């Protein structure tokens, strides 16, 4: 039986009933109307393109500018955003009804053509999006009318609604995308019109690949410099390496953002971010280091914001580099690493030791799953078995704006001396770090992954499948045919119990192959001045600033 899916019926009714008041200003008791806030972050925005990069600093900004068809509430339930309702017509077909009162920041009306243009762009090989795996199961996006769109997948894909809440599925204006493609065609000298390119893309084939390769290097100039979304904040300006500024969208279809302006300021040093907060130069900071918890909590003028996550931190091995292409070596290093000591000593008890990549609260997590235990003698035996008991050297890279990752690397450096491994550590600037590890120009690294759909597919597919080698997430360049096979099967499996069992098996295979050391399930630590009120932070560490304001 076909049934329109109202995830929360009363919410849907409220959205419809509230449209007539959508332009009214917020009336937040106790906070002043308007004002400006500076948000200090350790890393710069890498890309303003929703399909551009997987990094969290960029997503924090993009999440205010762009919106998706649907989103998630605090319980991971799917709720309306630009779509008001949706129907699953069969195993592969979904129809979405769209809001008819939304405008892009450019003033253009939001319509079904914008949905089609955005979702189809995600898998365009010219764009080469590292997030394409989020939407690569979509086979067709069909416009039924201006405010109805049909999405068809190539096969039954169970977490499709979760994936449509991901940042890669945010809707951009077709006008902006058309201008971006046209600029690339003009700059590259390609002998093709925009409409001809779209037709070629629909058909695929050698000619499409040829033209896509020709224009690829000139794409994204418009998308990066003139972001055009529907969010409650709109892009104002960017000074790379220093700041990105967003301002209130005064034409927002729902309650407007209370603040007039938010400046995302790059402050790399942890101590400097804290000083900014304590002096009032910044009213909000991200990535408080666990070593500074006491400092923040003892200050009566600021508040530490602690929140649960569905993220994990990991140390990755480039499995294509000798001797790390031998799983016995990776297992040995894992056995030499004491996770509990690191959680206690480096992270001061923030978070918990991780047994595998899937976090608590996400399907596939099991308390029965056991990782490779800390066992130095086992580590030595494995290296002897691999013929490497006399020792060797490795190099680990860490991003230079994260002291805790550096401290973890230093801990590992000391631990590996016990098994005759000399670990060298290189610190690299964040953007360069992502580029070099995407290209496989590393032996070991440390990163985190935020499962921003709350479905296990968004951990396993990007981090551990062959098709995701490089920028999509698999910076270990790990390949296991059984993992690839199970990951594809699990995407299509409707039986929840069977699906859970598949992800448990996948994790066991990953633990055995040891392409990564799952270090800890993380805890978000951020801080604000007490005068800044009404901030919400989700389990993906994204900030809801719509109602935020400074005390009167």
Protein backbone atom coordinates (compact mmCIF):
# COMPACT_ATOMS: atom_id res chain seq x y z
CA UNK A 1 0.00 0.00 0.00
CA UNK A 2 1.34 3.39 -0.96
CA UNK A 3 1.56 5.76 1.94
CA UNK A 4 2.93 9.26 2.29
CA UNK A 5 5.66 9.23 4.89
CA UNK A 6 5.11 11.86 7.54
CA UNK A 7 7.91 11.09 9.96
CA UNK A 8 6.28 13.32 12.53
CA UNK A 9 2.79 14.26 11.46
CA UNK A 10 2.43 17.13 13.84
CA UNK A 11 5.73 18.54 12.65
CA UNK A 12 4.60 18.42 9.05
CA UNK A 13 1.36 20.18 9.97
CA UNK A 14 3.32 22.80 11.88
CA UNK A 15 5.52 23.47 8.87
CA UNK A 16 2.48 24.07 6.67
CA UNK A 17 0.58 26.06 9.27
CA UNK A 18 3.62 28.19 10.07
CA UNK A 19 4.34 29.34 6.53
CA UNK A 20 2.35 32.54 6.87
CA UNK A 21 4.60 33.65 9.72
CA UNK A 22 7.86 32.50 8.15
CA UNK A 23 9.28 36.00 7.66
CA UNK A 24 8.75 37.11 11.25
CA UNK A 25 11.85 37.81 13.34
CA UNK A 26 12.86 35.49 16.16
CA UNK A 27 11.62 36.52 19.57
CA UNK A 28 14.20 34.83 21.78
CA UNK A 29 13.65 35.87 25.36
CA UNK A 30 16.80 37.11 27.02
CA UNK A 31 18.91 37.61 23.88
CA UNK A 32 19.35 40.73 21.82
CA UNK A 33 18.12 40.97 18.27
CA UNK A 34 20.90 40.87 15.69
CA UNK A 35 24.54 41.16 16.60
CA UNK A 36 27.71 39.51 15.38
CA UNK A 37 29.56 36.43 16.58
CA UNK A 38 33.07 35.18 15.87
CA UNK A 39 33.53 31.42 15.78
CA UNK A 40 37.19 30.35 16.09
CA UNK A 41 38.11 27.04 14.42
CA UNK A 42 41.49 25.28 14.19
CA UNK A 43 41.33 24.71 10.42
CA UNK A 44 40.29 26.73 7.43
CA UNK A 45 37.40 25.86 5.15
CA UNK A 46 38.78 23.68 2.36
CA UNK A 47 35.77 23.93 0.05
CA UNK A 48 32.41 25.71 -0.01
CA UNK A 49 31.15 23.18 -2.56
CA UNK A 50 28.72 20.76 -0.80
CA UNK A 51 30.12 17.99 -2.98
CA UNK A 52 33.69 19.19 -2.66
CA UNK A 53 35.34 17.70 0.43
CA UNK A 54 34.66 15.48 3.43
CA UNK A 55 36.27 17.73 6.06
CA UNK A 56 34.31 18.91 9.11
CA UNK A 57 35.48 22.58 9.13
CA UNK A 58 34.06 23.06 5.63
CA UNK A 59 30.84 21.26 6.55
CA UNK A 60 30.30 23.54 9.56
CA UNK A 61 30.03 26.52 7.19
CA UNK A 62 28.22 24.79 4.33
CA UNK A 63 25.59 23.47 6.72
CA UNK A 64 24.39 27.04 7.35
CA UNK A 65 24.33 28.00 3.66
CA UNK A 66 22.74 24.93 2.10
CA UNK A 67 19.81 22.63 2.88
CA UNK A 68 18.71 19.20 1.74
CA UNK A 69 15.38 17.69 0.83
CA UNK A 70 15.27 16.08 4.26
CA UNK A 71 17.31 16.17 7.45
CA UNK A 72 17.61 14.36 10.78
CA UNK A 73 16.41 15.28 14.23
CA UNK A 74 18.31 14.65 17.47
CA UNK A 75 17.15 11.01 17.45
CA UNK A 76 18.37 10.41 13.87
CA UNK A 77 14.75 10.35 12.64
CA UNK A 78 14.21 11.63 9.09
CA UNK A 79 12.26 14.91 9.03
CA UNK A 80 11.27 17.40 6.28
CA UNK A 81 13.44 20.25 5.13
CA UNK A 82 13.05 21.42 1.50
CA UNK A 83 10.68 18.52 0.91
CA UNK A 84 7.37 18.49 2.78
CA UNK A 85 6.56 14.80 2.28
CA UNK A 86 7.72 11.78 0.35
CA UNK A 87 6.45 8.43 -0.85
CA UNK A 88 8.32 5.20 -1.54
CA UNK A 89 6.51 3.81 -4.56
CA UNK A 90 8.54 0.62 -4.88
CA UNK A 91 11.95 -0.75 -3.87
CA UNK A 92 13.79 1.78 -6.04
CA UNK A 93 11.45 4.73 -6.54
CA UNK A 94 10.82 7.71 -4.24
CA UNK A 95 8.68 10.76 -4.96
CA UNK A 96 9.25 14.00 -3.05
CA UNK A 97 6.86 16.92 -2.75
CA UNK A 98 8.75 20.21 -2.43
CA UNK A 99 8.12 23.45 -0.58
CA UNK A 100 6.80 26.16 -2.92
CA UNK A 101 7.84 29.16 -0.81
CA UNK A 102 11.63 28.92 -0.93
CA UNK A 103 14.10 31.21 -2.64
CA UNK A 104 17.83 30.84 -3.16
CA UNK A 105 20.12 33.54 -1.83
CA UNK A 106 20.34 34.88 -5.40
CA UNK A 107 16.57 35.47 -5.39
CA UNK A 108 15.78 32.56 -7.73
CA UNK A 109 12.83 30.34 -6.81
CA UNK A 110 13.66 26.85 -5.56
CA UNK A 111 12.15 24.20 -7.86
CA UNK A 112 12.51 20.56 -8.87
CA UNK A 113 15.05 21.47 -11.56
CA UNK A 114 17.47 22.52 -8.80
CA UNK A 115 17.13 19.13 -7.12
CA UNK A 116 17.82 17.34 -10.39
CA UNK A 117 20.82 19.53 -11.21
CA UNK A 118 22.36 19.11 -7.75
CA UNK A 119 21.97 15.36 -7.43
CA UNK A 120 23.12 14.60 -10.97
CA UNK A 121 26.21 16.75 -10.55
CA UNK A 122 27.38 14.64 -7.60
CA UNK A 123 28.33 11.74 -9.85
CA UNK A 124 29.65 13.75 -12.80
CA UNK A 125 33.19 12.50 -13.40
CA UNK A 126 34.22 16.04 -14.37
CA UNK A 127 33.38 17.18 -10.84
CA UNK A 128 35.24 14.16 -9.39
CA UNK A 129 33.48 14.55 -6.06
CA UNK A 130 35.04 12.56 -3.22
CA UNK A 131 31.49 12.35 -1.87
CA UNK A 132 29.98 10.75 -4.97
CA UNK A 133 29.61 7.41 -3.17
CA UNK A 134 26.79 8.98 -1.13
CA UNK A 135 24.62 9.31 -4.24
CA UNK A 136 26.12 6.89 -6.76
CA UNK A 137 23.16 4.51 -6.41
CA UNK A 138 20.82 7.14 -7.89
CA UNK A 139 20.03 6.20 -11.49
CA UNK A 140 17.46 8.84 -12.43
CA UNK A 141 16.17 12.14 -11.12
CA UNK A 142 12.94 13.01 -12.91
CA UNK A 143 10.99 16.26 -12.73
CA UNK A 144 7.25 15.52 -12.38
CA UNK A 145 6.35 19.19 -12.04
CA UNK A 146 7.94 22.31 -10.53
CA UNK A 147 7.41 21.04 -7.00
CA UNK A 148 7.52 17.25 -7.39
CA UNK A 149 10.61 15.19 -8.10
CA UNK A 150 11.10 11.45 -8.57
CA UNK A 151 14.33 9.73 -7.53
CA UNK A 152 15.06 6.23 -8.81
CA UNK A 153 17.94 4.10 -7.58
CA UNK A 154 19.73 1.49 -9.68
CA UNK A 155 19.03 -1.15 -7.04
CA UNK A 156 17.22 -1.30 -3.70
CA UNK A 157 19.35 0.85 -1.40
CA UNK A 158 18.15 0.66 2.18
CA UNK A 159 19.73 3.84 3.63
CA UNK A 160 18.77 6.14 0.72
CA UNK A 161 16.86 8.54 3.00
CA UNK A 162 19.82 8.71 5.39
CA UNK A 163 22.11 9.48 2.47
CA UNK A 164 19.83 12.27 1.28
CA UNK A 165 20.41 14.01 4.64
CA UNK A 166 24.16 14.06 3.96
CA UNK A 167 25.98 17.26 2.99
CA UNK A 168 26.63 15.90 -0.51
CA UNK A 169 22.86 15.95 -1.14
CA UNK A 170 22.40 19.62 -0.25
CA UNK A 171 20.60 21.52 -2.98
CA UNK A 172 22.39 24.17 -5.01
CA UNK A 173 20.71 26.48 -7.49
CA UNK A 174 20.67 25.23 -11.06
CA UNK A 175 21.48 28.76 -12.19
CA UNK A 176 24.75 28.70 -10.20
CA UNK A 177 25.66 25.24 -11.49
CA UNK A 178 24.88 26.19 -15.08
CA UNK A 179 27.14 29.24 -14.77
CA UNK A 180 29.88 27.13 -13.25
CA UNK A 181 29.75 24.58 -16.08
CA UNK A 182 29.58 27.34 -18.71
CA UNK A 183 32.61 29.07 -17.21
CA UNK A 184 34.53 25.78 -17.36
CA UNK A 185 33.51 25.13 -20.96
CA UNK A 186 34.60 28.64 -21.95
CA UNK A 187 37.89 28.52 -20.06
CA UNK A 188 38.83 25.09 -21.39
CA UNK A 189 37.99 25.92 -24.98
CA UNK A 190 35.75 22.86 -25.30
CA UNK A 191 33.77 22.92 -28.53
CA UNK A 192 30.42 22.12 -26.95
CA UNK A 193 27.37 23.96 -25.63
CA UNK A 194 26.14 23.55 -22.08
CA UNK A 195 23.03 21.66 -23.17
CA UNK A 196 25.13 19.38 -25.37
CA UNK A 197 27.35 18.61 -22.39
CA UNK A 198 24.35 17.69 -20.23
CA UNK A 199 23.06 15.43 -23.01
CA UNK A 200 26.46 13.77 -23.28
CA UNK A 201 26.56 13.25 -19.52
CA UNK A 202 23.16 11.58 -19.58
CA UNK A 203 24.29 9.16 -22.28
CA UNK A 204 27.76 8.50 -20.88
CA UNK A 205 30.44 6.89 -23.02
CA UNK A 206 33.84 7.78 -24.40
CA UNK A 207 32.91 11.20 -25.77
CA UNK A 208 31.47 12.25 -22.41
CA UNK A 209 34.63 11.09 -20.63
CA UNK A 210 36.78 13.02 -23.09
CA UNK A 211 34.89 16.30 -22.64
CA UNK A 212 34.61 15.82 -18.88
CA UNK A 213 38.38 15.46 -18.65
CA UNK A 214 38.80 18.61 -20.76
CA UNK A 215 36.64 20.84 -18.54
CA UNK A 216 37.42 19.27 -15.14
CA UNK A 217 40.31 21.56 -14.27
CA UNK A 218 38.22 24.68 -14.82
CA UNK A 219 35.13 23.64 -12.84
CA UNK A 220 34.03 24.94 -9.41
CA UNK A 221 35.17 28.55 -9.75
CA UNK A 222 31.59 29.85 -9.49
CA UNK A 223 30.50 27.29 -6.89
CA UNK A 224 33.43 28.15 -4.63
CA UNK A 225 33.17 31.92 -4.92
CA UNK A 226 29.42 32.52 -5.29
CA UNK A 227 27.67 29.87 -3.14
CA UNK A 228 23.91 29.93 -3.75
CA UNK A 229 21.86 27.93 -1.28
CA UNK A 230 18.57 28.25 0.59
CA UNK A 231 19.88 28.16 4.19
CA UNK A 232 19.16 30.67 6.93
CA UNK A 233 22.66 32.14 6.46
CA UNK A 234 24.18 33.22 3.17
CA UNK A 235 27.77 33.58 2.05
CA UNK A 236 29.29 37.03 2.42
CA UNK A 237 33.05 36.77 1.94
CA UNK A 238 36.10 34.61 2.39
CA UNK A 239 39.75 35.36 3.09
CA UNK A 240 41.52 32.00 2.63
CA UNK A 241 43.61 31.04 5.62
CA UNK A 242 41.96 33.66 7.80
CA UNK A 243 38.17 33.75 7.79
CA UNK A 244 34.84 33.00 6.13
CA UNK A 245 31.83 35.22 6.81
CA UNK A 246 28.13 34.41 6.52
CA UNK A 247 25.25 36.81 7.13
CA UNK A 248 21.53 36.55 7.84
CA UNK A 249 19.31 35.45 4.96
CA UNK A 250 16.54 38.04 5.30
CA UNK A 251 14.39 36.20 2.75
CA UNK A 252 14.47 32.85 4.56
CA UNK A 253 11.17 31.01 4.27
CA UNK A 254 11.04 30.07 7.96
CA UNK A 255 12.09 31.94 11.12
CA UNK A 256 15.15 34.00 10.29
CA UNK A 257 18.55 33.70 11.89
CA UNK A 258 18.69 35.98 14.92
CA UNK A 259 22.34 37.02 14.43
CA UNK A 260 23.29 39.43 11.65
CA UNK A 261 26.71 37.93 10.97
CA UNK A 262 28.91 34.97 11.89
CA UNK A 263 32.64 35.05 11.20
CA UNK A 264 34.40 31.69 11.06
CA UNK A 265 37.92 32.63 12.07
CA UNK A 266 40.95 30.38 11.60
CA UNK A 267 42.89 30.16 14.86
CA UNK A 268 45.20 27.18 14.59
CA UNK A 269 46.77 27.14 18.05
CA UNK A 270 44.62 25.68 20.83
CA UNK A 271 45.96 28.17 23.40
CA UNK A 272 45.19 31.06 21.08
CA UNK A 273 41.59 29.89 20.59
CA UNK A 274 41.13 29.70 24.35
CA UNK A 275 42.66 33.16 24.76
CA UNK A 276 40.24 34.48 22.13
CA UNK A 277 37.34 33.00 24.08
CA UNK A 278 38.55 34.27 27.45
CA UNK A 279 39.14 37.77 26.13
CA UNK A 280 35.82 37.87 24.28
CA UNK A 281 37.40 38.29 20.85
CA UNK A 282 35.66 35.05 19.86
CA UNK A 283 32.35 34.08 21.39
CA UNK A 284 32.47 30.45 20.26
CA UNK A 285 35.36 28.03 19.67
CA UNK A 286 35.53 24.49 18.35
CA UNK A 287 37.87 21.63 19.13
CA UNK A 288 38.73 22.32 22.75
CA UNK A 289 41.56 19.93 23.61
CA UNK A 290 40.85 17.58 26.48
CA UNK A 291 43.92 18.88 28.33
CA UNK A 292 42.11 22.21 28.63
CA UNK A 293 38.85 20.91 30.11
CA UNK A 294 39.76 22.08 33.62
CA UNK A 295 40.83 25.49 32.34
CA UNK A 296 37.48 26.04 30.62
CA UNK A 297 35.36 24.62 33.41
CA UNK A 298 37.09 26.77 36.05
CA UNK A 299 36.35 29.99 34.15
CA UNK A 300 33.02 31.44 35.35
CA UNK A 301 32.56 33.44 32.13
CA UNK A 302 32.62 30.54 29.67
CA UNK A 303 30.85 27.20 29.25
CA UNK A 304 32.28 23.91 27.99
CA UNK A 305 29.99 22.19 25.49
CA UNK A 306 30.36 18.40 25.63
CA UNK A 307 28.35 16.24 23.24
CA UNK A 308 28.21 12.62 22.15
CA UNK A 309 29.21 11.68 18.63
CA UNK A 310 28.96 8.90 16.07
CA UNK A 311 32.59 9.46 15.14
CA UNK A 312 35.82 7.60 15.71
CA UNK A 313 39.51 8.46 15.57
CA UNK A 314 41.88 6.08 13.83
CA UNK A 315 45.50 5.55 12.85
CA UNK A 316 45.71 4.41 9.25
CA UNK A 317 48.33 2.34 7.44
CA UNK A 318 49.00 2.79 3.73
CA UNK A 319 48.57 -0.87 2.85
CA UNK A 320 50.30 -0.42 -0.52
CA UNK A 321 53.66 0.56 1.05
CA UNK A 322 56.24 -1.94 2.23
CA UNK A 323 56.39 -3.29 4.89
CA UNK A 324 52.83 -2.16 5.71
CA UNK A 325 51.50 -4.28 2.86
CA UNK A 326 52.08 -7.25 5.20
CA UNK A 327 49.14 -7.53 7.58
CA UNK A 328 51.38 -9.13 10.22
CA UNK A 329 53.27 -5.83 10.46
CA UNK A 330 50.02 -3.87 10.81
CA UNK A 331 48.79 -6.33 13.42
CA UNK A 332 52.06 -6.04 15.32
CA UNK A 333 51.84 -2.25 15.47
CA UNK A 334 48.22 -2.52 16.60
CA UNK A 335 49.16 -4.96 19.37
CA UNK A 336 51.87 -2.52 20.54
CA UNK A 337 49.35 0.33 20.92
CA UNK A 338 47.54 0.66 24.26
CA UNK A 339 44.26 2.42 23.46
CA UNK A 340 43.18 2.81 27.06
CA UNK A 341 46.43 4.55 27.95
CA UNK A 342 45.94 6.96 25.06
CA UNK A 343 42.30 7.73 25.97
CA UNK A 344 43.33 8.33 29.58
CA UNK A 345 46.67 10.04 29.03
CA UNK A 346 46.22 11.97 25.80
CA UNK A 347 42.47 12.58 25.80
CA UNK A 348 42.05 12.84 29.58
CA UNK A 349 39.19 10.35 29.54
CA UNK A 350 37.21 12.09 26.77
CA UNK A 351 35.76 9.31 24.64
CA UNK A 352 36.15 5.55 24.98
CA UNK A 353 38.56 3.02 23.43
CA UNK A 354 37.21 1.75 20.09
CA UNK A 355 36.95 -1.91 19.19
CA UNK A 356 36.05 -1.22 15.57
CA UNK A 357 35.00 1.58 13.21
CA UNK A 358 31.22 1.51 13.86
CA UNK A 359 30.28 3.66 16.85
CA UNK A 360 27.78 2.87 19.62
CA UNK A 361 24.24 3.74 18.59
CA UNK A 362 24.82 2.78 14.95
CA UNK A 363 23.68 -0.52 13.46
CA UNK A 364 26.53 -3.03 13.44
CA UNK A 365 28.09 -1.91 16.68
CA UNK A 366 28.46 -4.80 19.09
CA UNK A 367 29.93 -4.92 22.56
CA UNK A 368 30.93 -8.49 21.75
CA UNK A 369 33.29 -7.31 19.01
CA UNK A 370 36.89 -7.48 20.22
CA UNK A 371 39.76 -5.66 18.59
CA UNK A 372 43.40 -6.73 18.64
CA UNK A 373 44.41 -6.49 22.30
CA UNK A 374 47.45 -4.68 23.65
CA UNK A 375 50.13 -7.39 23.73
CA UNK A 376 53.77 -6.43 23.16
CA UNK A 377 55.00 -10.03 23.10
CA UNK A 378 52.45 -10.89 20.42
CA UNK A 379 53.66 -7.87 18.46
CA UNK A 380 57.26 -9.06 18.64
CA UNK A 381 56.28 -12.57 17.56
CA UNK A 382 54.41 -11.23 14.52
CA UNK A 383 57.40 -9.15 13.40
CA UNK A 384 59.66 -12.15 13.79
CA UNK A 385 57.26 -14.22 11.71
CA UNK A 386 57.41 -11.48 9.06
CA UNK A 387 61.23 -11.54 9.16
CA UNK A 388 61.42 -8.00 10.51
CA UNK A 389 62.52 -8.56 14.10
CA UNK A 390 65.71 -6.52 13.48
CA UNK A 391 63.60 -3.42 13.05
CA UNK A 392 62.82 -0.78 10.42
CA UNK A 393 61.68 2.84 10.12
CA UNK A 394 58.28 4.36 9.31
CA UNK A 395 56.95 7.87 8.94
CA UNK A 396 53.59 9.06 10.27
CA UNK A 397 51.94 12.32 9.20
CA UNK A 398 49.55 14.33 11.38
CA UNK A 399 47.80 17.63 10.74
CA UNK A 400 49.56 20.51 12.44
CA UNK A 401 46.43 22.02 14.03
CA UNK A 402 45.59 19.08 16.30
CA UNK A 403 47.88 18.69 19.35
CA UNK A 404 46.08 15.56 20.55
CA UNK A 405 46.86 13.76 17.33
CA UNK A 406 50.46 14.85 17.69
CA UNK A 407 50.51 13.55 21.27
CA UNK A 408 49.00 10.25 20.12
CA UNK A 409 51.70 9.96 17.48
CA UNK A 410 54.37 10.65 20.11
CA UNK A 411 52.87 7.97 22.34
CA UNK A 412 52.97 5.50 19.44
CA UNK A 413 56.54 6.54 18.66
CA UNK A 414 57.60 5.55 22.18
CA UNK A 415 55.53 2.35 22.16
CA UNK A 416 57.06 1.15 18.89
CA UNK A 417 60.57 1.41 20.27
CA UNK A 418 59.71 -1.67 22.31
CA UNK A 419 59.33 -3.68 19.11
CA UNK A 420 62.33 -2.10 17.35
CA UNK A 421 60.41 0.23 15.02
CA UNK A 422 61.71 3.78 14.55
CA UNK A 423 58.69 6.04 13.93
CA UNK A 424 59.30 9.51 12.52
CA UNK A 425 56.52 12.13 12.71
CA UNK A 426 55.79 14.90 10.22
CA UNK A 427 53.28 17.67 10.88
CA UNK A 428 51.50 19.01 7.79
CA UNK A 429 49.06 21.89 7.20
CA UNK A 430 45.44 20.66 7.00
CA UNK A 431 44.71 21.27 3.32
CA UNK A 432 48.07 19.85 2.22
CA UNK A 433 47.55 16.94 4.62
CA UNK A 434 44.28 15.97 2.95
CA UNK A 435 45.85 16.24 -0.49
CA UNK A 436 48.92 14.13 0.27
CA UNK A 437 47.00 11.39 2.07
CA UNK A 438 44.39 11.29 -0.71
CA UNK A 439 47.23 10.74 -3.17
CA UNK A 440 48.76 7.97 -1.03
CA UNK A 441 51.93 9.97 -0.32
CA UNK A 442 52.21 8.67 3.24
CA UNK A 443 52.98 5.56 5.23
CA UNK A 444 50.88 6.21 8.33
CA UNK A 445 48.38 8.89 9.31
CA UNK A 446 45.85 9.81 11.94
CA UNK A 447 42.35 11.02 11.15
CA UNK A 448 38.80 10.95 12.40
CA UNK A 449 35.59 10.07 10.60
CA UNK A 450 32.16 11.47 11.39
CA UNK A 451 29.40 9.15 10.26
CA UNK A 452 27.18 11.92 9.00
CA UNK A 453 24.25 9.72 7.97
CA UNK A 454 24.15 7.55 11.15
CA UNK A 455 24.08 4.49 8.90
CA UNK A 456 26.95 1.95 8.88
CA UNK A 457 27.26 2.22 5.10
CA UNK A 458 28.74 5.69 5.60
CA UNK A 459 31.61 4.23 7.61
CA UNK A 460 32.29 1.03 5.71
CA UNK A 461 31.89 2.17 2.10
CA UNK A 462 34.07 5.32 2.24
CA UNK A 463 36.76 4.02 4.58
CA UNK A 464 37.17 0.37 3.65
CA UNK A 465 35.97 -0.43 0.12
CA UNK A 466 38.19 -0.52 -2.94
CA UNK A 467 36.12 1.99 -4.91
CA UNK A 468 36.77 4.62 -2.22
CA UNK A 469 40.58 4.62 -2.38
CA UNK A 470 41.94 8.11 -1.80
CA UNK A 471 39.91 11.28 -1.32
CA UNK A 472 36.60 9.50 -0.80
CA UNK A 473 37.96 8.22 2.49
CA UNK A 474 39.95 5.00 2.09
CA UNK A 475 43.34 6.56 2.71
CA UNK A 476 44.63 3.16 3.85
CA UNK A 477 44.16 2.07 0.20
CA UNK A 478 42.79 -1.12 1.71
CA UNK A 479 41.25 -3.83 -0.44
CA UNK A 480 39.47 -6.99 0.66
CA UNK A 481 37.17 -8.58 -1.89
CA UNK A 482 34.95 -10.07 0.81
CA UNK A 483 34.54 -6.67 2.47
CA UNK A 484 33.65 -5.13 -0.90
CA UNK A 485 31.12 -7.88 -1.54
CA UNK A 486 29.50 -7.68 1.89
CA UNK A 487 29.38 -3.88 1.79
CA UNK A 488 27.41 -4.00 -1.48
CA UNK A 489 25.08 -6.72 -0.16
CA UNK A 490 24.45 -4.84 3.08
CA UNK A 491 23.44 -1.72 1.16
CA UNK A 492 20.62 -3.69 -0.44
CA UNK A 493 19.53 -5.91 2.44
CA UNK A 494 16.08 -5.06 3.83
CA UNK A 495 16.18 -7.52 6.72
CA UNK A 496 17.59 -5.55 9.64
CA UNK A 497 18.99 -8.57 11.48
CA UNK A 498 20.77 -9.87 8.38
CA UNK A 499 22.12 -6.42 7.66
CA UNK A 500 23.45 -6.08 11.21
CA UNK A 501 25.18 -9.47 10.92
CA UNK A 502 26.84 -8.39 7.67
CA UNK A 503 28.32 -5.29 9.29
CA UNK A 504 29.52 -7.31 12.25
CA UNK A 505 31.27 -9.70 9.86
CA UNK A 506 32.78 -6.80 7.93
CA UNK A 507 34.21 -5.34 11.13
CA UNK A 508 35.72 -8.68 12.11
CA UNK A 509 37.45 -8.88 8.72
CA UNK A 510 38.75 -5.33 9.14
CA UNK A 511 40.07 -6.11 12.62
CA UNK A 512 41.89 -9.16 11.25
CA UNK A 513 43.39 -7.26 8.29
CA UNK A 514 44.26 -4.23 10.49
CA UNK A 515 44.31 -1.48 7.82
CA UNK A 516 43.62 0.92 10.69
CA UNK A 517 43.91 1.08 14.45
CA UNK A 518 40.49 2.11 15.77
CA UNK A 519 41.65 4.42 18.56
CA UNK A 520 38.55 5.81 20.26
CA UNK A 521 34.89 6.71 19.92
CA UNK A 522 35.05 10.45 20.27
CA UNK A 523 33.39 13.15 22.34
CA UNK A 524 32.91 16.65 20.95
CA UNK A 525 34.41 19.42 23.06
CA UNK A 526 33.54 23.02 22.17
CA UNK A 527 33.09 26.16 24.24
CA UNK A 528 31.18 29.46 24.28
CA UNK A 529 31.11 32.63 26.29
CA UNK A 530 28.18 32.63 28.69
CA UNK A 531 26.69 35.66 26.94
CA UNK A 532 26.10 33.57 23.80
CA UNK A 533 22.88 31.59 24.19
CA UNK A 534 20.68 29.08 22.32
CA UNK A 535 23.31 27.06 20.47
CA UNK A 536 22.59 23.49 19.46
CA UNK A 537 25.28 20.98 18.45
CA UNK A 538 24.38 17.66 16.84
CA UNK A 539 26.25 14.37 17.07
CA UNK A 540 28.05 15.19 13.82
CA UNK A 541 29.57 18.28 15.53
CA UNK A 542 27.55 20.62 13.31
CA UNK A 543 26.23 23.82 14.90
CA UNK A 544 22.66 25.09 14.76
CA UNK A 545 23.07 28.86 15.11
CA UNK A 546 19.67 29.95 13.84
CA UNK A 547 18.35 30.93 17.27
CA UNK A 548 21.70 31.90 18.79
CA UNK A 549 22.04 35.35 20.27
CA UNK A 550 23.96 37.47 22.75
CA UNK A 551 22.43 38.27 26.10
CA UNK A 552 20.75 41.65 26.35
